[in-house]
Amino acid sequence: MDVLVTGGCGYIGSALLPHLQAAEEVGRLIVLDDLSTGSPRNLFDVDVAGEFAFRSGDVRNYGDVKNAVRGADTVIHLAAITGAASTHDRPEETHDVNYEGTKNVLTAAEKFGVENVVFASSCNNYGRAASEDIDESVEPAPINPYAEAKHEAESLLREFVASTGADATALRMSTNYGLAPGIRFNLVVNNFVFCALTGRPLTVYGDGSNWRPFIHVKDAARAFAHAALSPERWSHLVYNVGANDENYRIAEIARIVRDEIDHALDITYLQDEHPGPSYHINFDRLAETGFEPQYTLSKGVRELAGAFSERPKKVLEP
């Protein structure tokens, strides 16, 4: 199959593309990205001279999307404004990219008869949920523009399935972390690891009691690939993606990073006037697909710390 990945030069895309390229089921790999947040350097693990095509374009521009979707059998739609907290300052742009951009992708997918669409949604959609066992039957209650747009876009996906009969699924992702070419350091685990390695205190906003599920970016990439290449295993429209044992309070994340890297590190707490989402997620439905994350948080922290600490094995000659 020919697979299009929107936002393929981003964090998850940088881990996903090599995985897809290595799969026997994939023929041509196509990337649509406007490089506003991603970078070509995130493609260093990809054979761009092989069965690969790069389309420079913006998902808000239907013409760009249509040209990229034409000929694709499967679409993995990652392109989005991320960083949920930051979207309070740009709600209109977030809606345009995350909702209207998804509408463009699905419109083009219907026009060209795409067989399967895998959409990057988020567990952030659940907002501040009182329950500590949130499964897919719980109605989302988003509290930021990012989650609002993601939740609304899931309705577009539902309409796409009803209209076309194609396969489609929304992956409500846990918070990503871990080593990948396109790594982001505005994510809590990655930021804590860098602070710890550079001798700075780990700053927790609020009292640290907020629950979040976490997933290594390589596991996130594997989940997208699994849903794209084996759609018959993903029979529901929506899946929470993560592991039941990988729900943590933010204060606990700080302690894990400190214990893995430097027991002498200080953990500081700052008042947060706008407490972020808190959600403890159940991932039992995911197990039905046969997909299972491989990383634990501690393992991912050690891997990332090791990548910063390794010395080059050789010096390259000029």
C-alpha atoms as a PDB file:
ATOM      1  CA  MET A   1       0.000   0.000   0.000  1.00  0.00           C
ATOM      2  CA  ASP A   2       1.001   3.625  -0.473  1.00  0.00           C
ATOM      3  CA  VAL A   3       0.879   5.496   2.835  1.00  0.00           C
ATOM      4  CA  LEU A   4       0.588   9.244   3.406  1.00  0.00           C
ATOM      5  CA  VAL A   5       1.693  10.696   6.742  1.00  0.00           C
ATOM      6  CA  THR A   6       0.680  14.283   7.414  1.00  0.00           C
ATOM      7  CA  GLY A   7       3.001  16.067   9.815  1.00  0.00           C
ATOM      8  CA  GLY A   8       5.571  13.352   9.178  1.00  0.00           C
ATOM      9  CA  CYS A   9       8.509  15.593  10.112  1.00  0.00           C
ATOM     10  CA  GLY A  10       7.281  16.001  13.677  1.00  0.00           C
ATOM     11  CA  TYR A  11       8.089  14.085  16.855  1.00  0.00           C
ATOM     12  CA  ILE A  12       5.937  10.984  16.321  1.00  0.00           C
ATOM     13  CA  GLY A  13       6.505  11.097  12.569  1.00  0.00           C
ATOM     14  CA  SER A  14      10.267  10.936  13.022  1.00  0.00           C
ATOM     15  CA  ALA A  15       9.836   7.608  14.842  1.00  0.00           C
ATOM     16  CA  LEU A  16       7.004   6.340  12.629  1.00  0.00           C
ATOM     17  CA  LEU A  17       8.414   6.833   9.119  1.00  0.00           C
ATOM     18  CA  PRO A  18      11.372   4.420   9.457  1.00  0.00           C
ATOM     19  CA  HIS A  19       8.988   1.861  10.932  1.00  0.00           C
ATOM     20  CA  LEU A  20       6.633   2.157   7.960  1.00  0.00           C
ATOM     21  CA  GLN A  21       9.456   2.146   5.445  1.00  0.00           C
ATOM     22  CA  ALA A  22      10.702  -1.156   6.854  1.00  0.00           C
ATOM     23  CA  ALA A  23       7.275  -2.787   6.575  1.00  0.00           C
ATOM     24  CA  GLU A  24       6.803  -5.166   3.657  1.00  0.00           C
ATOM     25  CA  GLU A  25       3.200  -4.000   3.246  1.00  0.00           C
ATOM     26  CA  VAL A  26       4.251  -0.423   2.431  1.00  0.00           C
ATOM     27  CA  GLY A  27       5.135   0.551  -1.101  1.00  0.00           C
ATOM     28  CA  ARG A  28       5.526   4.300  -1.449  1.00  0.00           C
ATOM     29  CA  LEU A  29       5.745   6.545   1.611  1.00  0.00           C
ATOM     30  CA  ILE A  30       4.496  10.121   1.240  1.00  0.00           C
ATOM     31  CA  VAL A  31       4.945  12.949   3.739  1.00  0.00           C
ATOM     32  CA  LEU A  32       2.967  16.190   3.832  1.00  0.00           C
ATOM     33  CA  ASP A  33       4.486  18.808   6.132  1.00  0.00           C
ATOM     34  CA  ASP A  34       4.809  22.602   6.103  1.00  0.00           C
ATOM     35  CA  LEU A  35       7.966  22.415   8.276  1.00  0.00           C
ATOM     36  CA  SER A  36       6.577  25.081  10.602  1.00  0.00           C
ATOM     37  CA  THR A  37       7.523  23.001  13.644  1.00  0.00           C
ATOM     38  CA  GLY A  38       9.159  19.913  12.131  1.00  0.00           C
ATOM     39  CA  SER A  39      12.408  19.811  10.217  1.00  0.00           C
ATOM     40  CA  PRO A  40      14.045  17.782   7.430  1.00  0.00           C
ATOM     41  CA  ARG A  41      16.702  16.762   9.971  1.00  0.00           C
ATOM     42  CA  ASN A  42      14.027  14.564  11.521  1.00  0.00           C
ATOM     43  CA  LEU A  43      14.179  12.418   8.361  1.00  0.00           C
ATOM     44  CA  PHE A  44      17.790  11.270   8.825  1.00  0.00           C
ATOM     45  CA  ASP A  45      16.556   7.754   9.656  1.00  0.00           C
ATOM     46  CA  VAL A  46      14.478   7.637   6.453  1.00  0.00           C
ATOM     47  CA  ASP A  47      15.632   6.614   2.975  1.00  0.00           C
ATOM     48  CA  VAL A  48      14.400   9.705   1.169  1.00  0.00           C
ATOM     49  CA  ALA A  49      16.002   8.515  -2.078  1.00  0.00           C
ATOM     50  CA  GLY A  50      13.880   5.352  -2.107  1.00  0.00           C
ATOM     51  CA  GLU A  51      10.128   4.930  -2.451  1.00  0.00           C
ATOM     52  CA  PHE A  52       9.577   8.258  -0.749  1.00  0.00           C
ATOM     53  CA  ALA A  53       7.891  11.523  -1.690  1.00  0.00           C
ATOM     54  CA  PHE A  54       7.864  14.794   0.236  1.00  0.00           C
ATOM     55  CA  ARG A  55       5.041  17.276  -0.284  1.00  0.00           C
ATOM     56  CA  SER A  56       5.537  20.728   1.171  1.00  0.00           C
ATOM     57  CA  GLY A  57       2.137  21.999   2.213  1.00  0.00           C
ATOM     58  CA  ASP A  58      -0.278  23.137   4.900  1.00  0.00           C
ATOM     59  CA  VAL A  59      -3.265  21.020   5.942  1.00  0.00           C
ATOM     60  CA  ARG A  60      -5.317  24.237   6.064  1.00  0.00           C
ATOM     61  CA  ASN A  61      -4.883  24.495   2.292  1.00  0.00           C
ATOM     62  CA  TYR A  62      -7.169  21.976   0.599  1.00  0.00           C
ATOM     63  CA  GLY A  63      -5.147  22.097  -2.618  1.00  0.00           C
ATOM     64  CA  ASP A  64      -2.007  21.026  -0.747  1.00  0.00           C
ATOM     65  CA  VAL A  65      -3.892  18.217   0.950  1.00  0.00           C
ATOM     66  CA  LYS A  66      -5.580  17.013  -2.233  1.00  0.00           C
ATOM     67  CA  ASN A  67      -2.279  16.773  -4.085  1.00  0.00           C
ATOM     68  CA  ALA A  68      -0.736  14.754  -1.266  1.00  0.00           C
ATOM     69  CA  VAL A  69      -3.689  12.382  -0.762  1.00  0.00           C
ATOM     70  CA  ARG A  70      -4.062  11.542  -4.458  1.00  0.00           C
ATOM     71  CA  GLY A  71      -2.863   7.953  -4.943  1.00  0.00           C
ATOM     72  CA  ALA A  72      -2.602   7.075  -1.240  1.00  0.00           C
ATOM     73  CA  ASP A  73      -4.279   3.928   0.045  1.00  0.00           C
ATOM     74  CA  THR A  74      -3.878   4.786   3.718  1.00  0.00           C
ATOM     75  CA  VAL A  75      -3.541   8.122   5.517  1.00  0.00           C
ATOM     76  CA  ILE A  76      -2.025   8.635   8.962  1.00  0.00           C
ATOM     77  CA  HIS A  77      -3.032  12.136  10.021  1.00  0.00           C
ATOM     78  CA  LEU A  78      -0.552  13.516  12.560  1.00  0.00           C
ATOM     79  CA  ALA A  79      -0.357  17.173  11.480  1.00  0.00           C
ATOM     80  CA  ALA A  80      -1.559  19.401  14.307  1.00  0.00           C
ATOM     81  CA  ILE A  81      -0.749  22.225  16.636  1.00  0.00           C
ATOM     82  CA  THR A  82       0.433  20.525  19.813  1.00  0.00           C
ATOM     83  CA  GLY A  83       1.292  21.695  23.316  1.00  0.00           C
ATOM     84  CA  ALA A  84      -2.212  21.806  24.789  1.00  0.00           C
ATOM     85  CA  ALA A  85      -1.533  24.521  27.380  1.00  0.00           C
ATOM     86  CA  SER A  86      -0.101  26.894  24.763  1.00  0.00           C
ATOM     87  CA  THR A  87      -3.259  26.723  22.652  1.00  0.00           C
ATOM     88  CA  HIS A  88      -5.150  28.951  25.100  1.00  0.00           C
ATOM     89  CA  ASP A  89      -3.216  31.799  23.480  1.00  0.00           C
ATOM     90  CA  ARG A  90      -4.092  30.806  19.898  1.00  0.00           C
ATOM     91  CA  PRO A  91      -7.547  29.207  19.834  1.00  0.00           C
ATOM     92  CA  GLU A  92      -8.455  30.234  16.274  1.00  0.00           C
ATOM     93  CA  GLU A  93      -5.216  28.950  14.772  1.00  0.00           C
ATOM     94  CA  THR A  94      -5.585  25.717  16.734  1.00  0.00           C
ATOM     95  CA  HIS A  95      -9.116  25.217  15.408  1.00  0.00           C
ATOM     96  CA  ASP A  96      -8.034  25.965  11.848  1.00  0.00           C
ATOM     97  CA  VAL A  97      -5.168  23.469  11.893  1.00  0.00           C
ATOM     98  CA  ASN A  98      -6.556  20.726  14.117  1.00  0.00           C
ATOM     99  CA  TYR A  99     -10.199  20.770  13.011  1.00  0.00           C
ATOM    100  CA  GLU A 100     -10.370  22.389   9.583  1.00  0.00           C
ATOM    101  CA  GLY A 101      -7.132  20.657   8.566  1.00  0.00           C
ATOM    102  CA  THR A 102      -8.648  17.307   9.502  1.00  0.00           C
ATOM    103  CA  LYS A 103     -11.764  18.162   7.507  1.00  0.00           C
ATOM    104  CA  ASN A 104      -9.565  18.794   4.461  1.00  0.00           C
ATOM    105  CA  VAL A 105      -7.775  15.464   4.924  1.00  0.00           C
ATOM    106  CA  LEU A 106     -11.043  13.544   5.208  1.00  0.00           C
ATOM    107  CA  THR A 107     -12.636  15.373   2.270  1.00  0.00           C
ATOM    108  CA  ALA A 108      -9.676  14.456   0.077  1.00  0.00           C
ATOM    109  CA  ALA A 109      -9.648  10.910   1.436  1.00  0.00           C
ATOM    110  CA  GLU A 110     -13.288  10.477   0.428  1.00  0.00           C
ATOM    111  CA  LYS A 111     -12.677  12.004  -2.991  1.00  0.00           C
ATOM    112  CA  PHE A 112      -9.828   9.606  -3.802  1.00  0.00           C
ATOM    113  CA  GLY A 113     -11.242   6.489  -2.148  1.00  0.00           C
ATOM    114  CA  VAL A 114      -8.675   6.131   0.632  1.00  0.00           C
ATOM    115  CA  GLU A 115      -9.182   2.764   2.318  1.00  0.00           C
ATOM    116  CA  ASN A 116      -8.038   3.590   5.840  1.00  0.00           C
ATOM    117  CA  VAL A 117      -7.502   6.760   7.896  1.00  0.00           C
ATOM    118  CA  VAL A 118      -5.697   6.746  11.252  1.00  0.00           C
ATOM    119  CA  PHE A 119      -6.179   9.985  13.170  1.00  0.00           C
ATOM    120  CA  ALA A 120      -3.986  11.280  15.999  1.00  0.00           C
ATOM    121  CA  SER A 121      -6.332  12.231  18.826  1.00  0.00           C
ATOM    122  CA  SER A 122      -5.498  12.608  22.515  1.00  0.00           C
ATOM    123  CA  CYS A 123      -6.408  11.458  26.012  1.00  0.00           C
ATOM    124  CA  ASN A 124      -6.255  15.193  26.800  1.00  0.00           C
ATOM    125  CA  ASN A 125      -9.837  15.192  25.492  1.00  0.00           C
ATOM    126  CA  TYR A 126     -11.046  13.873  28.866  1.00  0.00           C
ATOM    127  CA  GLY A 127     -10.154  17.108  30.680  1.00  0.00           C
ATOM    128  CA  ARG A 128     -10.221  16.945  34.476  1.00  0.00           C
ATOM    129  CA  ALA A 129     -11.990  13.658  35.089  1.00  0.00           C
ATOM    130  CA  ALA A 130     -12.874  12.508  38.598  1.00  0.00           C
ATOM    131  CA  SER A 131     -12.818   8.800  37.734  1.00  0.00           C
ATOM    132  CA  GLU A 132      -9.537   6.883  37.874  1.00  0.00           C
ATOM    133  CA  ASP A 133     -10.581   4.270  35.324  1.00  0.00           C
ATOM    134  CA  ILE A 134     -11.512   6.237  32.211  1.00  0.00           C
ATOM    135  CA  ASP A 135     -12.348   4.082  29.219  1.00  0.00           C
ATOM    136  CA  GLU A 136     -13.668   5.032  25.796  1.00  0.00           C
ATOM    137  CA  SER A 137     -17.282   5.080  27.016  1.00  0.00           C
ATOM    138  CA  VAL A 138     -16.572   8.175  29.129  1.00  0.00           C
ATOM    139  CA  GLU A 139     -17.716  11.357  27.412  1.00  0.00           C
ATOM    140  CA  PRO A 140     -14.783  13.735  26.807  1.00  0.00           C
ATOM    141  CA  ALA A 141     -14.850  17.108  28.533  1.00  0.00           C
ATOM    142  CA  PRO A 142     -11.998  19.113  26.957  1.00  0.00           C
ATOM    143  CA  ILE A 143     -10.730  22.180  28.805  1.00  0.00           C
ATOM    144  CA  ASN A 144      -8.345  23.675  26.232  1.00  0.00           C
ATOM    145  CA  PRO A 145      -8.559  24.565  22.519  1.00  0.00           C
ATOM    146  CA  TYR A 146      -6.262  21.685  21.576  1.00  0.00           C
ATOM    147  CA  ALA A 147      -8.519  19.042  23.094  1.00  0.00           C
ATOM    148  CA  GLU A 148     -11.689  20.770  21.892  1.00  0.00           C
ATOM    149  CA  ALA A 149     -10.487  20.648  18.290  1.00  0.00           C
ATOM    150  CA  LYS A 150      -9.323  17.035  18.592  1.00  0.00           C
ATOM    151  CA  HIS A 151     -12.651  15.934  20.049  1.00  0.00           C
ATOM    152  CA  GLU A 152     -14.618  17.780  17.379  1.00  0.00           C
ATOM    153  CA  ALA A 153     -12.416  16.250  14.677  1.00  0.00           C
ATOM    154  CA  GLU A 154     -13.337  12.774  15.930  1.00  0.00           C
ATOM    155  CA  SER A 155     -16.920  13.589  14.885  1.00  0.00           C
ATOM    156  CA  LEU A 156     -15.644  14.298  11.384  1.00  0.00           C
ATOM    157  CA  LEU A 157     -13.998  10.883  11.373  1.00  0.00           C
ATOM    158  CA  ARG A 158     -17.283   9.274  12.425  1.00  0.00           C
ATOM    159  CA  GLU A 159     -19.067  11.020   9.535  1.00  0.00           C
ATOM    160  CA  PHE A 160     -16.334   9.898   7.130  1.00  0.00           C
ATOM    161  CA  VAL A 161     -16.855   6.251   8.087  1.00  0.00           C
ATOM    162  CA  ALA A 162     -20.634   6.544   7.778  1.00  0.00           C
ATOM    163  CA  SER A 163     -20.309   8.166   4.360  1.00  0.00           C
ATOM    164  CA  THR A 164     -17.630   5.948   2.833  1.00  0.00           C
ATOM    165  CA  GLY A 165     -17.598   2.654   4.708  1.00  0.00           C
ATOM    166  CA  ALA A 166     -13.808   2.934   4.856  1.00  0.00           C
ATOM    167  CA  ASP A 167     -11.738   1.886   7.836  1.00  0.00           C
ATOM    168  CA  ALA A 168     -10.849   4.662  10.253  1.00  0.00           C
ATOM    169  CA  THR A 169      -9.810   5.005  13.848  1.00  0.00           C
ATOM    170  CA  ALA A 170      -8.857   7.774  16.248  1.00  0.00           C
ATOM    171  CA  LEU A 171      -5.941   7.016  18.561  1.00  0.00           C
ATOM    172  CA  ARG A 172      -6.354   8.944  21.791  1.00  0.00           C
ATOM    173  CA  MET A 173      -2.689   9.088  22.692  1.00  0.00           C
ATOM    174  CA  SER A 174      -1.143   9.242  26.120  1.00  0.00           C
ATOM    175  CA  THR A 175       1.440  11.974  26.684  1.00  0.00           C
ATOM    176  CA  ASN A 176       4.521  11.173  24.629  1.00  0.00           C
ATOM    177  CA  TYR A 177       8.112  11.148  25.827  1.00  0.00           C
ATOM    178  CA  GLY A 178      11.403   9.551  24.843  1.00  0.00           C
ATOM    179  CA  LEU A 179      14.203   9.515  22.329  1.00  0.00           C
ATOM    180  CA  ALA A 180      13.431  10.140  18.639  1.00  0.00           C
ATOM    181  CA  PRO A 181      14.998  12.336  15.934  1.00  0.00           C
ATOM    182  CA  GLY A 182      12.251  14.953  16.280  1.00  0.00           C
ATOM    183  CA  ILE A 183      12.237  15.017  20.080  1.00  0.00           C
ATOM    184  CA  ARG A 184      10.276  17.804  21.790  1.00  0.00           C
ATOM    185  CA  PHE A 185      11.416  19.314  25.070  1.00  0.00           C
ATOM    186  CA  ASN A 186       8.158  21.059  25.940  1.00  0.00           C
ATOM    187  CA  LEU A 187       6.880  17.663  27.133  1.00  0.00           C
ATOM    188  CA  VAL A 188       7.179  17.021  30.843  1.00  0.00           C
ATOM    189  CA  VAL A 189       9.314  13.857  30.920  1.00  0.00           C
ATOM    190  CA  ASN A 190      11.782  15.058  28.289  1.00  0.00           C
ATOM    191  CA  ASN A 191      12.042  18.439  29.983  1.00  0.00           C
ATOM    192  CA  PHE A 192      12.640  16.868  33.403  1.00  0.00           C
ATOM    193  CA  VAL A 193      15.380  14.615  32.009  1.00  0.00           C
ATOM    194  CA  PHE A 194      17.217  17.552  30.429  1.00  0.00           C
ATOM    195  CA  CYS A 195      16.889  19.631  33.615  1.00  0.00           C
ATOM    196  CA  ALA A 196      18.182  16.724  35.707  1.00  0.00           C
ATOM    197  CA  LEU A 197      21.190  16.171  33.478  1.00  0.00           C
ATOM    198  CA  THR A 198      22.084  19.856  33.599  1.00  0.00           C
ATOM    199  CA  GLY A 199      21.764  20.097  37.375  1.00  0.00           C
ATOM    200  CA  ARG A 200      18.625  22.209  37.494  1.00  0.00           C
ATOM    201  CA  PRO A 201      15.673  21.617  39.827  1.00  0.00           C
ATOM    202  CA  LEU A 202      12.625  19.823  38.495  1.00  0.00           C
ATOM    203  CA  THR A 203       9.751  22.306  38.590  1.00  0.00           C
ATOM    204  CA  VAL A 204       6.247  20.952  39.133  1.00  0.00           C
ATOM    205  CA  TYR A 205       3.389  23.359  38.476  1.00  0.00           C
ATOM    206  CA  GLY A 206       0.623  23.046  41.040  1.00  0.00           C
ATOM    207  CA  ASP A 207       0.729  20.341  43.686  1.00  0.00           C
ATOM    208  CA  GLY A 208       1.681  17.611  41.219  1.00  0.00           C
ATOM    209  CA  SER A 209      -1.447  15.564  41.911  1.00  0.00           C
ATOM    210  CA  ASN A 210      -2.648  15.628  38.292  1.00  0.00           C
ATOM    211  CA  TRP A 211      -2.875  12.186  36.705  1.00  0.00           C
ATOM    212  CA  ARG A 212      -1.512  11.574  33.207  1.00  0.00           C
ATOM    213  CA  PRO A 213      -0.857   8.417  31.189  1.00  0.00           C
ATOM    214  CA  PHE A 214       2.495   8.301  29.376  1.00  0.00           C
ATOM    215  CA  ILE A 215       3.708   6.436  26.297  1.00  0.00           C
ATOM    216  CA  HIS A 216       7.135   6.285  24.710  1.00  0.00           C
ATOM    217  CA  VAL A 217       7.192   7.905  21.281  1.00  0.00           C
ATOM    218  CA  LYS A 218       8.469   4.660  19.739  1.00  0.00           C
ATOM    219  CA  ASP A 219       5.456   2.821  21.148  1.00  0.00           C
ATOM    220  CA  ALA A 220       3.196   5.589  19.850  1.00  0.00           C
ATOM    221  CA  ALA A 221       4.758   5.145  16.413  1.00  0.00           C
ATOM    222  CA  ARG A 222       4.238   1.383  16.590  1.00  0.00           C
ATOM    223  CA  ALA A 223       0.575   1.922  17.445  1.00  0.00           C
ATOM    224  CA  PHE A 224       0.004   4.154  14.419  1.00  0.00           C
ATOM    225  CA  ALA A 225       1.774   1.664  12.165  1.00  0.00           C
ATOM    226  CA  HIS A 226      -0.248  -1.223  13.598  1.00  0.00           C
ATOM    227  CA  ALA A 227      -3.553   0.594  13.017  1.00  0.00           C
ATOM    228  CA  ALA A 228      -2.485   1.569   9.487  1.00  0.00           C
ATOM    229  CA  LEU A 229      -1.251  -1.863   8.425  1.00  0.00           C
ATOM    230  CA  SER A 230      -3.805  -4.044  10.257  1.00  0.00           C
ATOM    231  CA  PRO A 231      -7.063  -2.056  10.255  1.00  0.00           C
ATOM    232  CA  GLU A 232      -9.110  -5.228  10.704  1.00  0.00           C
ATOM    233  CA  ARG A 233      -7.689  -5.488  14.246  1.00  0.00           C
ATOM    234  CA  TRP A 234      -8.841  -1.943  15.107  1.00  0.00           C
ATOM    235  CA  SER A 235     -12.600  -2.354  14.799  1.00  0.00           C
ATOM    236  CA  HIS A 236     -13.672   0.558  17.028  1.00  0.00           C
ATOM    237  CA  LEU A 237     -13.653   4.189  15.993  1.00  0.00           C
ATOM    238  CA  VAL A 238     -11.795   5.324  19.132  1.00  0.00           C
ATOM    239  CA  TYR A 239      -9.011   3.781  21.218  1.00  0.00           C
ATOM    240  CA  ASN A 240      -7.149   5.036  24.245  1.00  0.00           C
ATOM    241  CA  VAL A 241      -3.480   4.264  23.557  1.00  0.00           C
ATOM    242  CA  GLY A 242      -1.099   3.542  26.407  1.00  0.00           C
ATOM    243  CA  ALA A 243      -0.710   1.032  29.249  1.00  0.00           C
ATOM    244  CA  ASN A 244      -2.676   0.690  32.487  1.00  0.00           C
ATOM    245  CA  ASP A 245       0.518   0.623  34.555  1.00  0.00           C
ATOM    246  CA  GLU A 246       1.828   3.817  32.949  1.00  0.00           C
ATOM    247  CA  ASN A 247      -0.583   6.280  34.612  1.00  0.00           C
ATOM    248  CA  TYR A 248       1.360   8.613  36.911  1.00  0.00           C
ATOM    249  CA  ARG A 249       0.854  11.745  38.956  1.00  0.00           C
ATOM    250  CA  ILE A 250       3.127  14.570  37.779  1.00  0.00           C
ATOM    251  CA  ALA A 251       4.899  14.696  41.151  1.00  0.00           C
ATOM    252  CA  GLU A 252       5.675  10.996  40.760  1.00  0.00           C
ATOM    253  CA  ILE A 253       7.208  11.657  37.340  1.00  0.00           C
ATOM    254  CA  ALA A 254       9.600  14.135  38.935  1.00  0.00           C
ATOM    255  CA  ARG A 255      10.607  11.588  41.581  1.00  0.00           C
ATOM    256  CA  ILE A 256      11.194   8.858  38.978  1.00  0.00           C
ATOM    257  CA  VAL A 257      13.444  11.130  36.901  1.00  0.00           C
ATOM    258  CA  ARG A 258      15.344  12.239  40.014  1.00  0.00           C
ATOM    259  CA  ASP A 259      15.819   8.651  41.184  1.00  0.00           C
ATOM    260  CA  GLU A 260      17.045   7.492  37.772  1.00  0.00           C
ATOM    261  CA  ILE A 261      19.501  10.370  37.255  1.00  0.00           C
ATOM    262  CA  ASP A 262      20.496  12.234  40.433  1.00  0.00           C
ATOM    263  CA  HIS A 263      19.107  11.587  43.922  1.00  0.00           C
ATOM    264  CA  ALA A 264      20.382  14.993  45.070  1.00  0.00           C
ATOM    265  CA  LEU A 265      18.191  16.980  42.688  1.00  0.00           C
ATOM    266  CA  ASP A 266      15.664  19.392  44.125  1.00  0.00           C
ATOM    267  CA  ILE A 267      11.995  19.179  43.168  1.00  0.00           C
ATOM    268  CA  THR A 268      10.243  22.531  43.422  1.00  0.00           C
ATOM    269  CA  TYR A 269       6.541  23.360  43.258  1.00  0.00           C
ATOM    270  CA  LEU A 270       5.081  26.544  41.773  1.00  0.00           C
ATOM    271  CA  GLN A 271       1.520  27.736  42.083  1.00  0.00           C
ATOM    272  CA  ASP A 272      -0.506  27.162  38.933  1.00  0.00           C
ATOM    273  CA  GLU A 273      -3.476  29.489  38.456  1.00  0.00           C
ATOM    274  CA  HIS A 274      -4.867  27.290  35.681  1.00  0.00           C
ATOM    275  CA  PRO A 275      -4.465  23.624  36.673  1.00  0.00           C
ATOM    276  CA  GLY A 276      -4.126  21.444  33.629  1.00  0.00           C
ATOM    277  CA  PRO A 277      -6.086  18.314  32.777  1.00  0.00           C
ATOM    278  CA  SER A 278      -6.028  15.275  35.023  1.00  0.00           C
ATOM    279  CA  TYR A 279      -7.033  11.858  33.723  1.00  0.00           C
ATOM    280  CA  HIS A 280      -6.262   8.286  34.756  1.00  0.00           C
ATOM    281  CA  ILE A 281      -6.929   6.064  31.726  1.00  0.00           C
ATOM    282  CA  ASN A 282      -8.038   2.485  31.161  1.00  0.00           C
ATOM    283  CA  PHE A 283      -6.471   0.800  28.113  1.00  0.00           C
ATOM    284  CA  ASP A 284      -8.269  -2.551  28.104  1.00  0.00           C
ATOM    285  CA  ARG A 285      -9.849  -1.956  24.681  1.00  0.00           C
ATOM    286  CA  LEU A 286      -6.394  -1.478  23.152  1.00  0.00           C
ATOM    287  CA  ALA A 287      -5.381  -4.993  24.228  1.00  0.00           C
ATOM    288  CA  GLU A 288      -8.074  -6.404  21.902  1.00  0.00           C
ATOM    289  CA  THR A 289      -6.070  -5.203  18.882  1.00  0.00           C
ATOM    290  CA  GLY A 290      -3.020  -7.276  19.791  1.00  0.00           C
ATOM    291  CA  PHE A 291      -0.924  -4.128  20.231  1.00  0.00           C
ATOM    292  CA  GLU A 292       1.000  -3.677  23.468  1.00  0.00           C
ATOM    293  CA  PRO A 293       3.474  -0.932  24.467  1.00  0.00           C
ATOM    294  CA  GLN A 294       6.998  -2.145  25.177  1.00  0.00           C
ATOM    295  CA  TYR A 295       8.512   0.703  27.194  1.00  0.00           C
ATOM    296  CA  THR A 296       8.139   1.596  30.841  1.00  0.00           C
ATOM    297  CA  LEU A 297       8.708   5.166  31.913  1.00  0.00           C
ATOM    298  CA  SER A 298      11.871   4.281  33.833  1.00  0.00           C
ATOM    299  CA  LYS A 299      13.327   2.504  30.813  1.00  0.00           C
ATOM    300  CA  GLY A 300      12.551   5.477  28.570  1.00  0.00           C
ATOM    301  CA  VAL A 301      14.129   7.917  31.033  1.00  0.00           C
ATOM    302  CA  ARG A 302      17.308   5.821  31.194  1.00  0.00           C
ATOM    303  CA  GLU A 303      17.474   5.597  27.397  1.00  0.00           C
ATOM    304  CA  LEU A 304      17.099   9.348  26.969  1.00  0.00           C
ATOM    305  CA  ALA A 305      19.635  10.127  29.684  1.00  0.00           C
ATOM    306  CA  GLY A 306      22.060   7.681  28.101  1.00  0.00           C
ATOM    307  CA  ALA A 307      21.711   9.346  24.702  1.00  0.00           C
ATOM    308  CA  PHE A 308      22.747  12.675  26.229  1.00  0.00           C
ATOM    309  CA  SER A 309      25.618  11.113  28.132  1.00  0.00           C
ATOM    310  CA  GLU A 310      27.236   8.823  25.548  1.00  0.00           C
ATOM    311  CA  ARG A 311      30.583   9.871  24.141  1.00  0.00           C
ATOM    312  CA  PRO A 312      31.168   9.581  20.385  1.00  0.00           C
ATOM    313  CA  LYS A 313      32.811   6.274  19.487  1.00  0.00           C
ATOM    314  CA  LYS A 314      34.967   7.929  16.873  1.00  0.00           C
ATOM    315  CA  VAL A 315      35.978  11.328  15.652  1.00  0.00           C
ATOM    316  CA  LEU A 316      34.943  12.037  12.084  1.00  0.00           C
ATOM    317  CA  GLU A 317      37.707  13.286   9.817  1.00  0.00           C
ATOM    318  CA  PRO A 318      37.037  16.566   7.982  1.00  0.00           C
END
